[in-house]
């Protein structure tokens, strides 16, 4: 996805690249986007990028659901809820 390459090039020497920096960068980017901007970005994705995007969303959402329901109590719980906008 071109926006990933652009953001990386813009901030690679300004941020450490740790999870906290990446979260802040992503949230700041999304706060500036409108619904129409996001739909346009999705329309511009190729098939593989779209599958990757939806796949990551599914995986992270399912992790959150299972963590909420306390499945896998022997494993580390993943309950990082992220609300955008």
Protein backbone atom coordinates (compact mmCIF):
# COMPACT_ATOMS: atom_id res chain seq x y z
CA UNK A 1 0.00 0.00 0.00
CA UNK A 2 1.51 3.28 -1.08
CA UNK A 3 0.43 5.14 2.05
CA UNK A 4 2.46 2.73 4.19
CA UNK A 5 5.56 3.39 2.10
CA UNK A 6 4.96 7.14 2.26
CA UNK A 7 4.43 7.20 6.04
CA UNK A 8 7.49 5.01 6.57
CA UNK A 9 9.71 7.25 4.46
CA UNK A 10 8.39 10.38 6.16
CA UNK A 11 8.85 9.14 9.74
CA UNK A 12 11.54 6.45 9.67
CA UNK A 13 14.23 8.80 10.98
CA UNK A 14 11.91 10.58 13.40
CA UNK A 15 10.40 7.66 15.32
CA UNK A 16 11.87 4.63 17.02
CA UNK A 17 9.52 2.20 15.31
CA UNK A 18 8.34 0.66 18.57
CA UNK A 19 4.70 -0.32 18.98
CA UNK A 20 3.81 2.88 20.81
CA UNK A 21 5.22 5.12 18.07
CA UNK A 22 3.48 3.11 15.37
CA UNK A 23 0.16 3.28 17.23
CA UNK A 24 0.47 7.07 17.61
CA UNK A 25 1.37 7.51 13.96
CA UNK A 26 -1.53 5.32 12.80
CA UNK A 27 -4.06 7.04 15.05
CA UNK A 28 -2.85 10.50 14.04
CA UNK A 29 -3.14 9.54 10.39
CA UNK A 30 -6.63 8.11 10.83
CA UNK A 31 -7.85 11.17 12.73
CA UNK A 32 -7.10 13.25 9.65
CA UNK A 33 -8.96 10.91 7.29
CA UNK A 34 -12.64 11.11 6.44
CA UNK A 35 -14.83 8.12 5.69
CA UNK A 36 -14.63 9.03 2.01
CA UNK A 37 -10.82 9.17 2.18
CA UNK A 38 -10.73 5.69 3.69
CA UNK A 39 -13.16 4.26 1.14
CA UNK A 40 -11.05 5.73 -1.66
CA UNK A 41 -7.95 4.11 -0.17
CA UNK A 42 -9.72 0.75 -0.01
CA UNK A 43 -10.90 1.07 -3.60
CA UNK A 44 -7.31 1.68 -4.70
CA UNK A 45 -6.00 -1.50 -3.05
CA UNK A 46 -5.05 -4.44 -5.20
CA UNK A 47 -6.60 -7.82 -4.37
CA UNK A 48 -3.72 -8.98 -2.17
CA UNK A 49 -3.66 -5.74 -0.17
CA UNK A 50 -7.42 -5.98 0.38
CA UNK A 51 -7.14 -9.60 1.57
CA UNK A 52 -4.27 -8.62 3.90
CA UNK A 53 -6.25 -5.69 5.32
CA UNK A 54 -9.38 -7.73 5.96
CA UNK A 55 -7.31 -10.66 7.24
CA UNK A 56 -5.52 -8.53 9.83
CA UNK A 57 -8.82 -7.00 10.91
CA UNK A 58 -10.38 -10.46 11.32
CA UNK A 59 -7.42 -11.82 13.26
CA UNK A 60 -7.19 -8.88 15.65
CA UNK A 61 -10.96 -8.74 16.17
CA UNK A 62 -11.14 -12.46 16.92
CA UNK A 63 -8.22 -12.19 19.35
CA UNK A 64 -10.10 -9.45 21.17
CA UNK A 65 -13.35 -11.45 21.26
CA UNK A 66 -11.66 -14.56 22.63
CA UNK A 67 -9.80 -12.47 25.22
CA UNK A 68 -13.09 -10.88 26.31
CA UNK A 69 -14.67 -14.28 26.76
CA UNK A 70 -11.62 -15.47 28.73
CA UNK A 71 -10.84 -18.34 26.40
CA UNK A 72 -7.32 -19.71 26.60
CA UNK A 73 -6.87 -18.75 30.24
CA UNK A 74 -3.43 -20.36 30.29
CA UNK A 75 -2.17 -18.00 27.61
CA UNK A 76 -1.44 -14.29 27.76
CA UNK A 77 -4.65 -12.37 27.30
CA UNK A 78 -4.93 -10.02 24.36
CA UNK A 79 -7.44 -7.31 25.11
CA UNK A 80 -6.17 -4.21 23.39
CA UNK A 81 -9.34 -2.46 22.27
CA UNK A 82 -8.73 0.30 19.78
CA UNK A 83 -11.47 2.72 18.92
CA UNK A 84 -10.81 5.03 16.02
CA UNK A 85 -12.74 8.26 15.71
